[in-house]
Protein backbone atom coordinates (compact mmCIF):
# COMPACT_ATOMS: atom_id res chain seq x y z
CA MET A 1 -0.05 0.02 0.17
CA PRO A 2 1.45 3.49 -0.47
CA THR A 3 2.36 5.33 2.07
CA SER A 4 0.87 8.92 3.35
CA GLU A 5 3.30 10.83 2.14
CA LEU A 6 3.08 9.57 -1.40
CA LEU A 7 -0.85 10.11 -1.20
CA THR A 8 0.04 13.85 0.13
CA ASP A 9 3.28 14.87 -2.13
CA PRO A 10 2.53 18.27 -3.26
CA VAL A 11 5.41 17.28 -6.19
CA LEU A 12 3.57 14.66 -7.69
CA ALA A 13 0.25 15.67 -7.09
CA SER A 14 1.52 18.88 -9.21
CA ALA A 15 2.70 16.92 -11.64
CA ILE A 16 -0.02 14.58 -12.41
CA ARG A 17 -2.30 18.37 -12.73
CA TYR A 18 -0.09 19.43 -15.44
CA ALA A 19 0.02 15.81 -17.69
CA LYS A 20 -4.18 16.13 -17.24
CA LEU A 21 -4.17 19.67 -18.39
CA ALA A 22 -1.97 18.77 -21.06
CA GLY A 23 -3.30 15.76 -22.00
CA ALA A 24 -6.53 16.88 -22.13
CA THR A 25 -5.36 19.96 -24.51
CA LEU A 26 -4.19 17.70 -26.98
CA LEU A 27 -7.24 15.08 -26.68
CA ALA A 28 -8.92 18.15 -28.51
CA ARG A 29 -7.07 18.22 -31.60
CA PRO A 30 -7.95 20.27 -34.11
CA GLU A 31 -8.81 18.64 -37.38
CA LYS A 32 -5.82 20.73 -38.93
CA LEU A 33 -2.66 20.12 -37.21
CA GLU A 34 0.34 22.37 -38.13
CA ILE A 35 3.19 20.28 -38.57
CA SER A 36 6.72 21.68 -39.19
CA THR A 37 9.88 19.21 -38.84
CA LYS A 38 12.85 18.93 -36.57
CA SER A 39 15.98 17.39 -36.91
CA THR A 40 15.25 15.37 -40.49
CA ALA A 41 11.95 15.24 -42.68
CA THR A 42 10.79 12.53 -41.02
CA ASP A 43 11.14 14.00 -37.25
CA VAL A 44 7.56 16.12 -37.19
CA VAL A 45 6.33 18.93 -34.36
CA THR A 46 2.94 19.84 -34.35
CA HIS A 47 1.10 23.37 -32.64
CA MET A 48 -0.03 20.72 -30.18
CA ASP A 49 3.16 19.97 -28.73
CA THR A 50 4.54 23.38 -28.21
CA LEU A 51 0.98 24.12 -26.92
CA ALA A 52 1.07 21.29 -24.49
CA GLU A 53 4.60 22.27 -23.59
CA GLN A 54 3.46 25.58 -22.88
CA ILE A 55 0.24 24.95 -20.26
CA ILE A 56 3.47 22.71 -18.56
CA VAL A 57 5.75 25.15 -17.87
CA ASP A 58 3.12 27.89 -17.16
CA GLY A 59 1.72 25.41 -14.12
CA ILE A 60 5.82 24.83 -13.40
CA THR A 61 6.60 28.43 -13.64
CA VAL A 62 3.95 29.69 -11.15
CA ASP A 63 4.42 26.55 -8.28
CA PHE A 64 7.62 25.57 -8.74
CA PRO A 65 9.46 29.44 -9.11
CA GLY A 66 13.46 28.54 -9.46
CA ASP A 67 12.95 25.11 -10.62
CA GLY A 68 14.43 24.70 -13.87
CA ILE A 69 12.34 23.32 -17.26
CA MET A 70 14.39 21.11 -19.93
CA GLY A 71 11.68 20.81 -22.87
CA GLU A 72 11.52 18.80 -25.88
CA GLU A 73 9.76 21.90 -27.77
CA GLY A 74 12.53 24.25 -26.49
CA ALA A 75 11.77 25.64 -22.67
CA ASP A 76 14.93 25.66 -21.53
CA VAL A 77 15.13 28.04 -17.60
CA ALA A 78 18.15 27.19 -15.06
CA ALA A 79 17.66 25.87 -12.05
CA SER A 80 18.43 27.89 -8.89
CA THR A 81 16.74 25.16 -6.30
CA GLY A 82 18.37 22.37 -7.36
CA TYR A 83 15.30 20.90 -9.06
CA GLN A 84 14.74 20.38 -12.86
CA TRP A 85 11.71 19.67 -14.66
CA ILE A 86 12.05 17.13 -17.79
CA ILE A 87 9.39 17.50 -19.75
CA ASP A 88 7.98 15.84 -23.57
CA PRO A 89 4.87 17.47 -23.84
CA LEU A 90 3.96 14.26 -26.53
CA ASP A 91 5.67 11.85 -26.82
CA GLY A 92 4.73 9.53 -29.55
CA THR A 93 3.92 12.74 -32.39
CA ILE A 94 3.64 10.24 -35.20
CA ASN A 95 1.49 8.38 -33.40
CA TYR A 96 -0.58 11.50 -32.54
CA LEU A 97 -0.53 12.36 -36.19
CA TYR A 98 -2.06 9.30 -37.48
CA GLY A 99 -4.25 8.96 -34.93
CA LEU A 100 -2.95 6.42 -33.44
CA PRO A 101 -3.42 6.11 -29.52
CA ALA A 102 0.07 5.17 -28.35
CA TRP A 103 1.11 8.99 -27.28
CA ALA A 104 1.84 10.64 -24.09
CA VAL A 105 2.53 13.20 -21.73
CA SER A 106 5.38 12.78 -20.00
CA ILE A 107 6.99 14.89 -16.91
CA ALA A 108 9.84 13.76 -13.93
CA ARG A 109 10.88 16.50 -11.62
CA VAL A 110 15.03 15.64 -11.27
CA ASP A 111 17.63 16.39 -8.79
CA VAL A 112 20.49 18.18 -10.37
CA HIS A 113 23.14 17.30 -8.32
CA THR A 114 22.45 13.35 -8.36
CA GLY A 115 20.58 13.13 -11.95
CA GLN A 116 18.28 11.18 -10.30
CA ALA A 117 14.24 11.64 -10.72
CA GLN A 118 12.44 12.69 -7.89
CA VAL A 119 8.66 11.95 -9.43
CA GLY A 120 7.56 10.87 -12.57
CA VAL A 121 4.24 10.92 -14.42
CA VAL A 122 3.45 9.43 -18.03
CA TYR A 123 -0.24 10.32 -18.86
CA ALA A 124 -1.67 8.74 -21.79
CA PRO A 125 -5.15 10.11 -22.12
CA ALA A 126 -5.79 8.34 -25.61
CA LEU A 127 -5.30 4.93 -23.80
CA ASP A 128 -6.75 6.13 -20.63
CA ARG A 129 -3.43 5.40 -18.61
CA LEU A 130 -1.93 7.63 -15.48
CA TYR A 131 1.51 6.31 -14.86
CA PHE A 132 3.16 7.57 -12.01
CA ALA A 133 5.72 7.08 -9.62
CA LYS A 134 8.00 8.91 -6.73
CA ALA A 135 11.59 7.69 -5.93
CA GLY A 136 11.51 5.34 -3.20
CA HIS A 137 8.03 4.49 -3.01
CA GLY A 138 7.04 2.28 -5.89
CA ALA A 139 5.02 2.97 -9.29
CA TYR A 140 1.13 2.78 -10.03
CA LEU A 141 -1.29 3.15 -12.45
CA ASN A 142 -4.39 5.04 -12.21
CA ASP A 143 -4.46 5.21 -8.30
CA PHE A 144 -2.74 4.22 -5.77
CA ALA A 145 -4.82 1.13 -5.54
CA SER A 146 -3.07 -0.47 -8.79
CA PRO A 147 1.00 -0.64 -8.06
CA LEU A 148 2.76 -2.03 -11.36
CA SER A 149 5.46 -4.60 -11.11
CA VAL A 150 8.01 -5.90 -14.31
CA GLY A 151 7.14 -8.95 -15.43
CA GLU A 152 8.85 -12.46 -14.37
CA CYS A 153 9.95 -13.78 -17.78
CA GLN A 154 13.10 -15.73 -16.94
CA GLN A 155 14.25 -16.69 -20.53
CA LEU A 156 15.79 -14.47 -23.59
CA SER A 157 14.09 -17.26 -25.98
CA GLN A 158 10.46 -16.10 -24.53
CA ALA A 159 10.73 -12.52 -24.07
CA LEU A 160 8.27 -9.62 -26.31
CA VAL A 161 11.23 -7.00 -26.86
CA GLY A 162 9.92 -3.08 -27.34
CA THR A 163 12.58 -1.50 -29.33
CA GLY A 164 12.40 2.20 -30.96
CA PHE A 165 14.07 3.86 -34.14
CA GLY A 166 15.81 7.20 -34.55
CA TYR A 167 14.74 9.45 -37.49
CA ASP A 168 18.39 9.77 -39.13
CA SER A 169 18.83 7.14 -41.94
CA THR A 170 22.95 6.02 -41.02
CA ARG A 171 21.22 5.38 -37.41
CA ARG A 172 18.09 3.37 -39.10
CA GLY A 173 20.50 1.28 -40.67
CA GLY A 174 22.50 0.63 -37.54
CA GLN A 175 18.76 -0.33 -35.80
CA ALA A 176 18.09 -2.83 -38.76
CA ARG A 177 21.59 -4.86 -38.10
CA VAL A 178 20.68 -5.11 -34.88
CA LEU A 179 17.52 -5.92 -35.04
CA ASN A 180 18.88 -8.67 -37.20
CA ILE A 181 20.23 -10.47 -34.78
CA VAL A 182 18.24 -9.67 -31.69
CA LEU A 183 14.91 -10.63 -33.38
CA PRO A 184 15.58 -14.81 -33.77
CA ASN A 185 16.78 -14.75 -30.09
CA VAL A 186 13.93 -13.84 -28.27
CA ARG A 187 9.98 -14.34 -28.68
CA ASP A 188 9.22 -11.41 -30.87
CA ILE A 189 9.92 -7.64 -31.31
CA ARG A 190 6.73 -4.45 -30.60
CA ARG A 191 7.49 -1.33 -32.09
CA ILE A 192 4.92 0.84 -30.08
CA GLY A 193 6.60 4.77 -31.34
CA SER A 194 6.68 6.10 -27.55
CA CYS A 195 10.00 5.52 -24.95
CA ALA A 196 7.90 6.60 -22.06
CA LEU A 197 5.45 4.30 -23.20
CA ASP A 198 7.17 1.27 -23.83
CA LEU A 199 9.16 1.95 -20.32
CA CYS A 200 5.38 2.30 -18.57
CA PHE A 201 4.53 -1.44 -20.41
CA VAL A 202 8.00 -2.45 -19.08
CA ALA A 203 6.89 -1.78 -15.58
CA GLN A 204 3.41 -3.44 -16.29
CA GLY A 205 4.67 -6.71 -17.36
CA LEU A 206 3.30 -5.88 -20.65
CA LEU A 207 6.93 -5.64 -22.32
CA ASP A 208 9.41 -7.95 -20.76
CA MET A 209 12.15 -5.45 -21.75
CA PHE A 210 12.68 -2.61 -24.30
CA PHE A 211 16.00 -0.84 -25.28
CA GLU A 212 16.55 1.73 -27.85
CA ARG A 213 19.92 4.19 -29.11
CA GLY A 214 19.13 7.76 -29.78
CA VAL A 215 16.87 8.52 -26.86
CA ASN A 216 16.70 12.08 -25.27
CA PRO A 217 16.44 13.11 -20.78
CA TRP A 218 12.33 14.02 -22.40
CA ASP A 219 11.93 10.66 -23.37
CA HIS A 220 12.53 8.64 -20.89
CA ALA A 221 13.00 10.84 -17.23
CA ALA A 222 9.42 9.79 -16.12
CA GLY A 223 8.58 6.45 -17.87
CA GLY A 224 12.79 5.22 -16.61
CA LEU A 225 11.82 6.34 -12.70
CA VAL A 226 8.42 4.46 -13.58
CA ALA A 227 10.38 1.11 -14.80
CA ARG A 228 12.83 1.08 -11.86
CA GLU A 229 9.71 1.96 -9.23
CA ALA A 230 8.24 -1.17 -10.55
CA GLY A 231 11.22 -3.52 -10.00
CA ALA A 232 13.27 -2.75 -13.54
CA ILE A 233 16.71 -2.27 -14.00
CA VAL A 234 17.56 0.81 -16.23
CA SER A 235 20.87 0.85 -17.66
CA GLY A 236 22.88 1.24 -20.23
CA LEU A 237 25.44 -1.08 -21.93
CA HIS A 238 29.23 -1.89 -20.32
CA ASN A 239 27.88 -0.59 -17.35
CA LYS A 240 27.11 2.35 -18.27
CA LYS A 241 24.01 4.78 -17.15
CA GLU A 242 21.48 4.76 -19.77
CA SER A 243 22.27 7.86 -22.22
CA ALA A 244 21.47 8.55 -25.68
CA GLU A 245 23.93 5.79 -26.75
CA MET A 246 21.94 3.27 -25.05
CA LEU A 247 18.85 2.65 -22.99
CA VAL A 248 17.72 -1.09 -21.43
CA ALA A 249 15.18 -1.80 -19.11
CA THR A 250 14.19 -5.08 -18.24
CA ASN A 251 13.54 -7.61 -15.58
CA ARG A 252 16.88 -8.96 -12.74
CA TYR A 253 16.47 -12.09 -14.74
CA LEU A 254 16.53 -10.78 -17.95
CA HIS A 255 18.86 -7.62 -17.96
CA ALA A 256 22.38 -9.56 -18.14
CA ASP A 257 21.69 -11.55 -20.92
CA ILE A 258 20.30 -8.80 -23.15
CA CYS A 259 23.27 -6.88 -22.34
CA GLU A 260 25.89 -9.31 -23.63
CA LEU A 261 23.56 -9.75 -26.53
CA LEU A 262 23.59 -5.92 -27.60
CA GLU A 263 26.87 -5.52 -26.67
CA SER A 264 28.34 -8.57 -28.89
CA VAL A 265 26.83 -6.53 -32.25
CA THR A 266 28.07 -2.80 -31.11
CA ALA A 267 24.30 -1.80 -30.37
CA ASP A 268 25.41 1.42 -29.08
CA SER A 269 27.08 2.60 -32.48
CA ASP A 270 25.64 2.91 -35.80
CA LEU A 271 27.96 0.70 -37.55
CA PRO A 272 25.74 -0.06 -41.43
CA ASN A 273 24.58 -3.53 -42.18
């Protein structure tokens, strides 16, 4: 059962409120989206991404003056309190653009000195799923009566594995090379299209593991905490922390095996096929 400290935590309550406000706005999407591109022609952003980020930033600015802010869509505020909010206002923009439901608002508050997330919230309004966690207090789905726990799969050959692909063609070529080796060694592969949701699906036991090269802090800050608090090991390769080089999230039984396989094919590089 959750502790009273978790039930009454004002930071967690605020993060949930921001996520729900942004999520409600995103659900009310207009028929025509204003679309532009970022790193490549396939890396898109809509005016709804920007609007959702501004809603979250406005809330943080009022409620937590002095906290830093890092947002995927450009929010950049220096921290004077020792805490930074890391925001992805719409993780899974391509899904959102096409009308697929696997997209989410991702919000985490991080201690800038340790780099550790204090709270994390991932809200998928089109799926009616609110994932949230506080460091040291567990992870939950939709309410405090629904604690999350990673799956118990113990054999790599039986693992359902999530992954993601970058927007750069060279990066995708390297990821295809890695996938060609991984796929024969696992049960199957899923590509959800939202790193934040992938991590929450690991936390919920819907995926046995997730790995991806090229993730950014806003992709995994909240989902990574949810996964950890549900019992997952979240890391990079070669005993490193998770980073843009590689992120791996799975249970204690599979972590060493998937890391060994990924390391054997240099999955943390963009080597071509």
